[in-house]
Amino acid sequence: MGSLFKPKMPPLPPPPPAPEPPKVSDEEKARIAAEQAERERRRKGRKSTILTGPLGPEEEADVEKKTLLGS
């Protein structure tokens, strides 16, 4: 009974073809690669200051401390 109140939809027309990607010369590709390499180099500068990983500190914690009370 559902088709009684809902008319069938006509099929959709096929999508238009995708446009051609722009032509990039070898010099332009080299310039883009150099820019990306420079960005990566700048980003890596801060990575050396991060001492923790996604799961917490990378090194073992020093939990045993010597005190003067027991010596």
N, C-alpha and C. Protein backbone atom coordinates (compact mmCIF):
# COMPACT_ATOMS: atom_id res chain seq x y z
N MET A 1 0.80 -1.18 0.00
CA MET A 1 0.00 0.00 0.00
C MET A 1 0.85 1.26 0.00
N GLY A 2 2.16 1.10 0.25
CA GLY A 2 3.02 2.26 0.27
C GLY A 2 3.16 2.91 -1.09
N SER A 3 3.10 2.10 -2.17
CA SER A 3 3.27 2.67 -3.50
C SER A 3 2.01 3.38 -3.96
N LEU A 4 0.91 3.20 -3.28
CA LEU A 4 -0.33 3.86 -3.64
C LEU A 4 -0.22 5.36 -3.41
N PHE A 5 0.45 5.77 -2.33
CA PHE A 5 0.54 7.18 -1.98
C PHE A 5 1.86 7.83 -2.41
N LYS A 6 2.84 7.01 -2.80
CA LYS A 6 4.13 7.55 -3.21
C LYS A 6 4.34 7.23 -4.69
N PRO A 7 4.30 8.24 -5.56
CA PRO A 7 4.56 7.97 -6.98
C PRO A 7 6.04 7.64 -7.19
N LYS A 8 6.33 6.85 -8.20
CA LYS A 8 7.72 6.49 -8.49
C LYS A 8 8.45 7.72 -9.05
N MET A 9 9.66 7.90 -8.56
CA MET A 9 10.48 9.01 -9.02
C MET A 9 11.16 8.60 -10.33
N PRO A 10 11.27 9.53 -11.26
CA PRO A 10 12.00 9.21 -12.50
C PRO A 10 13.49 9.08 -12.19
N PRO A 11 14.22 8.29 -12.96
CA PRO A 11 15.67 8.14 -12.70
C PRO A 11 16.39 9.47 -12.90
N LEU A 12 17.44 9.67 -12.11
CA LEU A 12 18.23 10.89 -12.21
C LEU A 12 19.07 10.87 -13.49
N PRO A 13 19.31 12.04 -14.07
CA PRO A 13 20.18 12.08 -15.26
C PRO A 13 21.62 11.78 -14.83
N PRO A 14 22.45 11.26 -15.72
CA PRO A 14 23.84 10.97 -15.36
C PRO A 14 24.59 12.27 -15.04
N PRO A 15 25.55 12.21 -14.11
CA PRO A 15 26.30 13.42 -13.76
C PRO A 15 27.19 13.87 -14.91
N PRO A 16 27.48 15.16 -14.99
CA PRO A 16 28.37 15.63 -16.06
C PRO A 16 29.78 15.10 -15.84
N PRO A 17 30.57 14.98 -16.89
CA PRO A 17 31.95 14.47 -16.73
C PRO A 17 32.78 15.45 -15.90
N ALA A 18 33.76 14.90 -15.19
CA ALA A 18 34.64 15.72 -14.35
C ALA A 18 35.52 16.59 -15.23
N PRO A 19 35.81 17.82 -14.79
CA PRO A 19 36.69 18.69 -15.58
C PRO A 19 38.12 18.15 -15.57
N GLU A 20 38.85 18.49 -16.59
CA GLU A 20 40.24 18.06 -16.71
C GLU A 20 41.08 18.79 -15.66
N PRO A 21 42.04 18.10 -15.03
CA PRO A 21 42.90 18.78 -14.06
C PRO A 21 43.80 19.77 -14.79
N PRO A 22 44.17 20.86 -14.11
CA PRO A 22 45.02 21.85 -14.78
C PRO A 22 46.40 21.27 -15.07
N LYS A 23 46.99 21.68 -16.16
CA LYS A 23 48.33 21.24 -16.54
C LYS A 23 49.35 22.00 -15.71
N VAL A 24 50.28 21.26 -15.09
CA VAL A 24 51.31 21.87 -14.26
C VAL A 24 52.66 21.53 -14.87
N SER A 25 53.48 22.56 -15.07
CA SER A 25 54.79 22.34 -15.67
C SER A 25 55.75 21.75 -14.63
N ASP A 26 56.90 21.26 -15.10
CA ASP A 26 57.89 20.67 -14.21
C ASP A 26 58.45 21.71 -13.25
N GLU A 27 58.63 22.94 -13.72
CA GLU A 27 59.16 24.00 -12.85
C GLU A 27 58.16 24.31 -11.73
N GLU A 28 56.89 24.33 -12.09
CA GLU A 28 55.84 24.60 -11.10
C GLU A 28 55.79 23.47 -10.07
N LYS A 29 55.93 22.22 -10.53
CA LYS A 29 55.94 21.08 -9.60
C LYS A 29 57.13 21.18 -8.64
N ALA A 30 58.29 21.58 -9.15
CA ALA A 30 59.48 21.71 -8.31
C ALA A 30 59.28 22.82 -7.28
N ARG A 31 58.66 23.92 -7.69
CA ARG A 31 58.42 25.03 -6.76
C ARG A 31 57.45 24.61 -5.65
N ILE A 32 56.40 23.89 -6.02
CA ILE A 32 55.42 23.43 -5.04
C ILE A 32 56.08 22.45 -4.07
N ALA A 33 56.91 21.54 -4.58
CA ALA A 33 57.59 20.57 -3.72
C ALA A 33 58.53 21.29 -2.75
N ALA A 34 59.22 22.33 -3.22
CA ALA A 34 60.12 23.08 -2.34
C ALA A 34 59.34 23.81 -1.25
N GLU A 35 58.19 24.37 -1.59
CA GLU A 35 57.36 25.05 -0.59
C GLU A 35 56.87 24.06 0.47
N GLN A 36 56.45 22.89 0.04
CA GLN A 36 55.98 21.88 1.00
C GLN A 36 57.11 21.40 1.89
N ALA A 37 58.30 21.23 1.33
CA ALA A 37 59.45 20.81 2.12
C ALA A 37 59.80 21.87 3.17
N GLU A 38 59.71 23.14 2.78
CA GLU A 38 59.99 24.24 3.72
C GLU A 38 58.97 24.24 4.86
N ARG A 39 57.70 24.02 4.53
CA ARG A 39 56.67 23.96 5.57
C ARG A 39 56.93 22.81 6.54
N GLU A 40 57.32 21.65 6.02
CA GLU A 40 57.62 20.50 6.87
C GLU A 40 58.82 20.79 7.77
N ARG A 41 59.82 21.46 7.23
CA ARG A 41 61.00 21.80 8.02
C ARG A 41 60.63 22.72 9.18
N ARG A 42 59.74 23.69 8.93
CA ARG A 42 59.31 24.59 10.00
C ARG A 42 58.49 23.87 11.05
N ARG A 43 57.65 22.92 10.62
CA ARG A 43 56.82 22.17 11.56
C ARG A 43 57.66 21.28 12.46
N LYS A 44 58.74 20.71 11.94
CA LYS A 44 59.56 19.80 12.72
C LYS A 44 60.33 20.53 13.81
N GLY A 45 60.45 21.83 13.72
CA GLY A 45 61.17 22.60 14.72
C GLY A 45 60.54 22.49 16.10
N ARG A 46 59.23 22.39 16.19
CA ARG A 46 58.56 22.31 17.48
C ARG A 46 58.46 20.88 17.99
N LYS A 47 58.61 19.90 17.13
CA LYS A 47 58.49 18.50 17.57
C LYS A 47 59.56 18.13 18.59
N SER A 48 60.71 18.75 18.52
CA SER A 48 61.78 18.39 19.44
C SER A 48 61.49 18.88 20.86
N THR A 49 60.56 19.81 21.03
CA THR A 49 60.26 20.32 22.36
C THR A 49 59.16 19.53 23.05
N ILE A 50 58.47 18.68 22.35
CA ILE A 50 57.39 17.90 22.93
C ILE A 50 57.99 16.64 23.55
N LEU A 51 57.82 16.47 24.86
CA LEU A 51 58.45 15.36 25.55
C LEU A 51 57.49 14.21 25.82
N THR A 52 56.25 14.35 25.45
CA THR A 52 55.28 13.28 25.68
C THR A 52 54.73 12.79 24.36
N GLY A 53 54.28 11.55 24.38
CA GLY A 53 53.64 10.97 23.21
C GLY A 53 52.13 11.00 23.41
N PRO A 54 51.40 10.37 22.54
CA PRO A 54 49.95 10.36 22.67
C PRO A 54 49.46 9.57 23.89
N LEU A 55 50.32 8.69 24.43
CA LEU A 55 49.92 7.89 25.59
C LEU A 55 50.58 8.35 26.87
N GLY A 56 51.22 9.50 26.87
CA GLY A 56 51.85 10.03 28.08
C GLY A 56 53.35 10.15 27.89
N PRO A 57 54.07 10.29 29.00
CA PRO A 57 55.53 10.47 28.90
C PRO A 57 56.21 9.28 28.23
N GLU A 58 57.25 9.56 27.50
CA GLU A 58 57.98 8.52 26.77
C GLU A 58 58.96 7.78 27.68
N GLU A 59 59.48 8.43 28.69
CA GLU A 59 60.48 7.81 29.55
C GLU A 59 59.83 7.28 30.82
N GLU A 60 60.54 6.40 31.49
CA GLU A 60 60.03 5.84 32.74
C GLU A 60 60.08 6.90 33.83
N ALA A 61 59.09 6.89 34.69
CA ALA A 61 59.05 7.84 35.79
C ALA A 61 59.99 7.39 36.90
N ASP A 62 60.64 8.34 37.53
CA ASP A 62 61.54 8.04 38.65
C ASP A 62 60.70 8.07 39.92
N VAL A 63 60.23 6.91 40.35
CA VAL A 63 59.32 6.85 41.49
C VAL A 63 60.03 6.59 42.80
N GLU A 64 61.25 6.05 42.78
CA GLU A 64 61.99 5.81 44.01
C GLU A 64 62.88 7.01 44.30
N LYS A 65 62.57 7.67 45.39
CA LYS A 65 63.39 8.82 45.78
C LYS A 65 64.01 8.51 47.12
N LYS A 66 65.27 8.79 47.27
CA LYS A 66 65.97 8.60 48.54
C LYS A 66 65.62 9.76 49.46
N THR A 67 65.33 9.44 50.67
CA THR A 67 65.04 10.48 51.64
C THR A 67 66.06 10.43 52.76
N LEU A 68 66.14 11.47 53.54
CA LEU A 68 67.08 11.52 54.65
C LEU A 68 66.50 10.87 55.91
N LEU A 69 65.23 10.55 55.91
CA LEU A 69 64.61 10.00 57.10
C LEU A 69 65.10 8.59 57.42
N GLY A 70 65.31 7.78 56.45
CA GLY A 70 65.68 6.39 56.69
C GLY A 70 67.17 6.15 56.74
N SER A 71 68.04 7.14 56.52
CA SER A 71 69.47 6.87 56.48
C SER A 71 70.15 7.01 57.79
